[in-house]
Protein backbone atom coordinates (compact mmCIF):
# COMPACT_ATOMS: atom_id res chain seq x y z
CA UNK A 1 -62.05 47.46 -24.95
CA UNK A 2 -59.88 49.37 -22.51
CA UNK A 3 -56.12 48.78 -22.83
CA UNK A 4 -53.50 48.60 -20.09
CA UNK A 5 -50.03 47.23 -19.55
CA UNK A 6 -49.84 43.45 -19.65
CA UNK A 7 -49.25 41.17 -16.72
CA UNK A 8 -47.75 37.68 -16.66
CA UNK A 9 -49.31 34.88 -18.70
CA UNK A 10 -48.36 32.70 -21.62
CA UNK A 11 -50.65 34.44 -24.09
CA UNK A 12 -50.63 37.86 -22.44
CA UNK A 13 -47.48 38.97 -24.27
CA UNK A 14 -47.28 38.78 -28.05
CA UNK A 15 -44.98 40.27 -30.64
CA UNK A 16 -45.85 40.54 -34.35
CA UNK A 17 -44.35 37.72 -36.40
CA UNK A 18 -46.06 37.63 -39.79
CA UNK A 19 -47.02 40.85 -41.55
CA UNK A 20 -49.32 39.11 -44.03
CA UNK A 21 -51.84 38.20 -41.30
CA UNK A 22 -53.70 41.50 -41.69
CA UNK A 23 -54.50 40.68 -45.30
CA UNK A 24 -55.34 37.07 -44.49
CA UNK A 25 -57.87 37.90 -41.80
CA UNK A 26 -59.45 40.51 -44.07
CA UNK A 27 -60.42 37.74 -46.51
CA UNK A 28 -63.06 36.58 -44.01
CA UNK A 29 -65.31 39.49 -45.00
CA UNK A 30 -66.81 37.68 -47.97
CA UNK A 31 -68.34 40.57 -49.83
CA UNK A 32 -65.30 42.74 -49.28
CA UNK A 33 -62.87 40.55 -49.99
CA UNK A 34 -63.92 22.68 -36.43
CA UNK A 35 -60.52 19.17 -34.17
CA UNK A 36 -63.51 18.60 -31.97
CA UNK A 37 -66.67 18.83 -34.05
CA UNK A 38 -68.40 15.47 -34.45
CA UNK A 39 -66.28 13.18 -36.61
CA UNK A 40 -66.47 13.83 -40.32
CA UNK A 41 -65.39 11.94 -43.37
CA UNK A 42 -65.57 12.13 -47.14
CA UNK A 43 -68.70 10.33 -48.27
CA UNK A 44 -67.20 8.57 -51.26
CA UNK A 45 -63.93 8.01 -53.03
CA UNK A 46 -65.86 8.87 -56.20
CA UNK A 47 -66.46 12.47 -55.08
CA UNK A 48 -65.88 14.74 -58.11
CA UNK A 49 -62.77 16.89 -58.21
CA UNK A 50 -63.02 20.44 -56.93
CA UNK A 51 -64.77 22.98 -59.13
CA UNK A 52 -66.16 26.53 -59.01
CA UNK A 53 -69.19 26.88 -56.74
CA UNK A 54 -72.65 26.80 -58.25
CA UNK A 55 -75.09 29.66 -57.76
CA UNK A 56 -76.95 27.64 -55.13
CA UNK A 57 -73.76 26.82 -53.20
CA UNK A 58 -72.60 30.43 -53.34
CA UNK A 59 -76.03 31.51 -52.03
CA UNK A 60 -75.77 29.22 -49.00
CA UNK A 61 -72.24 30.42 -48.26
CA UNK A 62 -73.49 34.00 -48.57
CA UNK A 63 -76.24 33.29 -46.01
CA UNK A 64 -73.95 31.69 -43.45
CA UNK A 65 -72.76 34.96 -41.91
CA UNK A 66 -76.33 36.20 -41.46
CA UNK A 67 -77.27 32.89 -39.86
CA UNK A 68 -74.54 33.33 -37.22
CA UNK A 69 -75.74 36.87 -36.52
CA UNK A 70 -79.35 35.77 -36.07
CA UNK A 71 -78.40 32.76 -33.91
CA UNK A 72 -76.37 34.84 -31.43
CA UNK A 73 -75.10 34.09 -28.88
CA UNK A 74 -73.37 31.14 -30.60
CA UNK A 75 -71.32 28.48 -28.82
CA UNK A 76 -67.88 28.23 -30.42
CA UNK A 77 -64.56 26.42 -30.17
CA UNK A 78 -61.18 27.41 -31.55
CA UNK A 79 -58.07 25.24 -31.80
CA UNK A 80 -54.72 26.72 -32.82
CA UNK A 81 -51.31 25.05 -33.08
CA UNK A 82 -48.65 27.62 -32.30
CA UNK A 83 -45.58 25.58 -33.15
CA UNK A 84 -43.16 23.74 -30.91
CA UNK A 85 -45.85 21.27 -29.90
CA UNK A 86 -47.93 23.97 -28.19
CA UNK A 87 -51.69 24.09 -28.78
CA UNK A 88 -54.26 26.65 -27.61
CA UNK A 89 -57.94 25.72 -27.23
CA UNK A 90 -60.63 28.34 -26.65
CA UNK A 91 -64.21 27.40 -25.79
CA UNK A 92 -66.89 30.03 -25.36
CA UNK A 93 -69.70 32.05 -26.92
CA UNK A 94 -69.81 34.89 -29.45
CA UNK A 95 -72.52 37.51 -29.69
CA UNK A 96 -72.34 38.68 -33.30
CA UNK A 97 -74.85 41.44 -32.62
CA UNK A 98 -72.43 43.22 -30.29
CA UNK A 99 -69.22 41.62 -31.65
CA UNK A 100 -68.18 40.50 -28.21
CA UNK A 101 -67.07 37.06 -27.08
CA UNK A 102 -66.12 35.29 -23.86
CA UNK A 103 -64.66 31.90 -23.12
CA UNK A 104 -61.97 29.88 -21.40
CA UNK A 105 -58.58 29.02 -22.83
CA UNK A 106 -56.23 26.12 -22.22
CA UNK A 107 -52.64 25.86 -23.47
CA UNK A 108 -51.16 22.40 -23.73
CA UNK A 109 -47.78 21.19 -24.86
CA UNK A 110 -44.58 19.49 -23.88
CA UNK A 111 -43.29 20.34 -20.43
CA UNK A 112 -40.47 22.83 -20.61
CA UNK A 113 -42.00 24.68 -23.57
CA UNK A 114 -41.44 28.39 -23.27
CA UNK A 115 -45.02 29.35 -24.08
CA UNK A 116 -47.49 29.75 -26.89
CA UNK A 117 -45.00 31.82 -28.88
CA UNK A 118 -41.52 30.51 -29.56
CA UNK A 119 -41.93 27.22 -27.70
CA UNK A 120 -38.72 25.22 -27.37
CA UNK A 121 -40.27 21.76 -27.62
CA UNK A 122 -39.91 19.96 -30.93
CA UNK A 123 -43.10 18.45 -32.45
CA UNK A 124 -43.02 14.67 -32.55
CA UNK A 125 -40.37 14.20 -29.86
CA UNK A 126 -41.08 11.84 -26.97
CA UNK A 127 -38.52 13.09 -24.45
CA UNK A 128 -40.92 15.60 -22.87
CA UNK A 129 -44.27 15.06 -21.21
CA UNK A 130 -47.35 16.73 -22.65
CA UNK A 131 -49.48 18.63 -20.20
CA UNK A 132 -51.34 21.83 -19.40
CA UNK A 133 -49.10 24.88 -19.55
CA UNK A 134 -51.65 27.56 -18.75
CA UNK A 135 -55.40 28.15 -18.48
CA UNK A 136 -57.78 30.99 -17.72
CA UNK A 137 -60.62 33.17 -18.99
CA UNK A 138 -60.59 35.18 -22.19
CA UNK A 139 -62.78 37.91 -23.67
CA UNK A 140 -62.34 39.40 -27.13
CA UNK A 141 -63.94 41.82 -29.54
CA UNK A 142 -63.04 43.51 -32.82
CA UNK A 143 -60.27 45.54 -31.20
CA UNK A 144 -58.40 43.08 -29.00
CA UNK A 145 -58.59 40.56 -26.19
CA UNK A 146 -58.44 40.40 -22.41
CA UNK A 147 -57.25 37.67 -20.04
CA UNK A 148 -58.06 36.79 -16.45
CA UNK A 149 -57.16 33.90 -14.14
CA UNK A 150 -59.61 31.00 -14.13
CA UNK A 151 -60.66 29.91 -10.62
CA UNK A 152 -59.63 26.30 -10.04
CA UNK A 153 -62.49 23.85 -9.56
CA UNK A 154 -65.17 26.24 -10.85
CA UNK A 155 -67.44 24.25 -13.16
CA UNK A 156 -69.70 27.15 -14.19
CA UNK A 157 -69.70 28.16 -17.88
CA UNK A 158 -66.93 30.61 -18.83
CA UNK A 159 -69.40 33.45 -19.39
CA UNK A 160 -70.72 32.98 -15.86
CA UNK A 161 -67.23 32.92 -14.33
CA UNK A 162 -66.19 35.96 -16.35
CA UNK A 163 -69.15 37.94 -15.03
CA UNK A 164 -67.66 37.64 -11.52
CA UNK A 165 -64.27 39.09 -12.55
CA UNK A 166 -64.10 42.84 -11.86
CA UNK A 167 -62.90 45.19 -14.57
CA UNK A 168 -59.56 45.57 -12.79
CA UNK A 169 -59.07 41.79 -12.96
CA UNK A 170 -58.68 41.72 -16.75
CA UNK A 171 -55.39 42.19 -18.62
CA UNK A 172 -56.31 43.50 -22.09
CA UNK A 173 -54.10 43.93 -25.15
CA UNK A 174 -54.40 44.69 -28.84
CA UNK A 175 -54.17 42.01 -31.51
CA UNK A 176 -50.83 40.99 -32.99
CA UNK A 177 -49.87 38.73 -35.92
CA UNK A 178 -49.82 35.66 -33.67
CA UNK A 179 -51.83 32.61 -34.90
CA UNK A 180 -54.13 32.68 -31.87
CA UNK A 181 -54.93 36.35 -32.44
CA UNK A 182 -55.62 35.67 -36.12
CA UNK A 183 -58.07 32.92 -35.14
CA UNK A 184 -59.86 35.15 -32.63
CA UNK A 185 -60.15 37.97 -35.18
CA UNK A 186 -61.50 35.56 -37.76
CA UNK A 187 -64.03 34.18 -35.28
CA UNK A 188 -65.36 37.60 -34.25
CA UNK A 189 -65.64 38.82 -37.83
CA UNK A 190 -67.67 35.98 -39.32
CA UNK A 191 -71.18 37.12 -38.38
CA UNK A 192 -72.98 39.87 -40.29
CA UNK A 193 -76.43 41.49 -40.20
CA UNK A 194 -77.01 40.85 -43.92
CA UNK A 195 -76.04 38.16 -46.41
CA UNK A 196 -73.11 38.55 -48.75
CA UNK A 197 -73.46 38.87 -52.50
CA UNK A 198 -73.36 35.30 -53.89
CA UNK A 199 -72.38 36.51 -57.36
CA UNK A 200 -69.30 38.25 -55.94
CA UNK A 201 -68.42 35.14 -53.95
CA UNK A 202 -68.48 33.03 -57.08
CA UNK A 203 -66.55 35.60 -59.12
CA UNK A 204 -63.89 35.91 -56.39
CA UNK A 205 -62.82 32.30 -56.75
CA UNK A 206 -64.86 30.34 -54.15
CA UNK A 207 -64.55 26.63 -54.99
CA UNK A 208 -66.51 23.52 -54.03
CA UNK A 209 -64.14 20.90 -52.57
CA UNK A 210 -66.50 18.08 -51.68
CA UNK A 211 -69.49 16.96 -49.63
CA UNK A 212 -69.04 15.51 -46.17
CA UNK A 213 -70.95 13.95 -43.28
CA UNK A 214 -70.96 15.98 -40.06
CA UNK A 215 -73.22 16.20 -37.02
CA UNK A 216 -75.41 13.37 -38.28
CA UNK A 217 -76.07 15.04 -41.63
CA UNK A 218 -74.83 14.28 -45.14
CA UNK A 219 -75.33 17.69 -46.73
CA UNK A 220 -72.27 19.65 -45.61
CA UNK A 221 -70.42 21.22 -48.52
CA UNK A 222 -66.75 21.97 -48.05
CA UNK A 223 -66.00 25.23 -49.84
CA UNK A 224 -62.72 27.08 -50.32
CA UNK A 225 -63.42 30.73 -49.69
CA UNK A 226 -62.98 33.62 -52.10
CA UNK A 227 -59.47 34.90 -52.65
CA UNK A 228 -58.30 38.42 -51.97
CA UNK A 229 -58.99 40.91 -54.73
CA UNK A 230 -56.51 40.54 -57.58
CA UNK A 231 -55.28 37.10 -56.50
CA UNK A 232 -55.36 34.14 -58.87
CA UNK A 233 -54.99 30.41 -58.08
CA UNK A 234 -51.32 29.53 -58.25
CA UNK A 235 -50.13 33.05 -57.45
CA UNK A 236 -50.43 33.09 -53.65
CA UNK A 237 -47.61 32.62 -51.14
CA UNK A 238 -48.26 28.87 -51.08
CA UNK A 239 -49.27 28.56 -54.76
CA UNK A 240 -52.71 27.35 -53.73
CA UNK A 241 -56.34 28.31 -53.13
CA UNK A 242 -57.80 30.46 -50.38
CA UNK A 243 -56.36 29.76 -46.90
CA UNK A 244 -59.96 29.60 -45.59
CA UNK A 245 -62.23 26.57 -45.96
CA UNK A 246 -65.90 26.54 -44.89
CA UNK A 247 -68.27 23.70 -44.02
CA UNK A 248 -71.84 24.83 -44.83
CA UNK A 249 -74.99 22.69 -44.61
CA UNK A 250 -78.01 22.63 -46.90
CA UNK A 251 -79.70 25.41 -44.93
CA UNK A 252 -76.78 27.83 -45.03
CA UNK A 253 -75.57 27.08 -41.49
CA UNK A 254 -71.84 27.21 -40.86
CA UNK A 255 -70.38 24.34 -38.84
CA UNK A 256 -66.64 24.76 -39.22
CA UNK A 257 -63.95 26.95 -40.73
CA UNK A 258 -60.27 26.10 -41.08
CA UNK A 259 -57.52 28.62 -41.73
CA UNK A 260 -54.11 27.57 -43.01
CA UNK A 261 -51.29 29.31 -41.21
CA UNK A 262 -47.99 30.23 -42.89
CA UNK A 263 -45.21 28.07 -41.49
CA UNK A 264 -47.54 25.79 -39.51
CA UNK A 265 -48.54 22.37 -40.77
CA UNK A 266 -51.90 22.19 -38.96
CA UNK A 267 -54.59 24.77 -39.77
CA UNK A 268 -56.48 26.66 -37.11
CA UNK A 269 -59.97 25.20 -36.66
CA UNK A 270 -63.09 27.20 -35.73
CA UNK A 271 -66.26 25.32 -34.77
CA UNK A 272 -69.79 26.67 -34.47
CA UNK A 273 -72.06 24.64 -32.19
CA UNK A 274 -75.34 26.54 -32.43
CA UNK A 275 -77.19 29.02 -30.28
CA UNK A 276 -76.57 29.10 -26.52
CA UNK A 277 -79.63 30.91 -25.21
CA UNK A 278 -78.36 30.82 -21.61
CA UNK A 279 -75.20 32.78 -22.29
CA UNK A 280 -74.78 36.29 -20.90
CA UNK A 281 -71.64 38.15 -21.83
CA UNK A 282 -69.94 40.03 -18.98
CA UNK A 283 -70.04 43.80 -18.82
CA UNK A 284 -66.89 44.41 -16.78
CA UNK A 285 -64.21 44.21 -19.53
CA UNK A 286 -66.08 46.72 -21.70
CA UNK A 287 -67.35 49.01 -18.95
CA UNK A 288 -66.61 52.70 -19.28
CA UNK A 289 -65.54 55.15 -16.65
């Protein structure tokens, strides 16, 4: 994606804040190592304690990235809490064959917050009024993201609105260590044109956490992802398991991923809503010449 100097906007300007994000996002590549999805709940209080994944569970997790690739373009949602009571929601589509994505973003929070990074509002306070701080269109790929104003009152899908924005109308930038950027990078990297190695997944510490009901089905397994090479449970920065948790159904379809963020109490949530055959990703942000 072409890069140019940033213009105004609450998520247009970012500065690196956490150096460990590069390693965290890299964990998403399984072999190399969804606030909003239909309500879910643990099926039973008698659910067994977490354990290593079985061969069958590892096989379904290994297939989930290929399933996203084959289903492209996939409707997605991303929710990230940035601290200070500020939340960013992105709704759009990802084409895992081209590793390009387009959507709309909305930033909400207490009035008077200074933006998605370094907001001044204090979570849990009632002295400020929650509301929309910023909104617009967003495109992203493996190298970075681009922003454009969102026309008020336009009810067309984000990919359709983005198609009408000329190349000069986008403000692109590279990724930083910001939580939103980490979520976007994770989202774009999940699909793959081949399954992962289930044996490596199991050997890298993937763990079964429980079975849950989602989207009208009872066969979603909640699985903690593999840990980075050389890591052991109890040795990470938070003395816990992988920061990534996956919800995978009995057919190897991925419904949701959560990513725990250092210093933030609420994890980022990625949701996968199935194929959107209508979607057409815009050409302008990636045009050459």
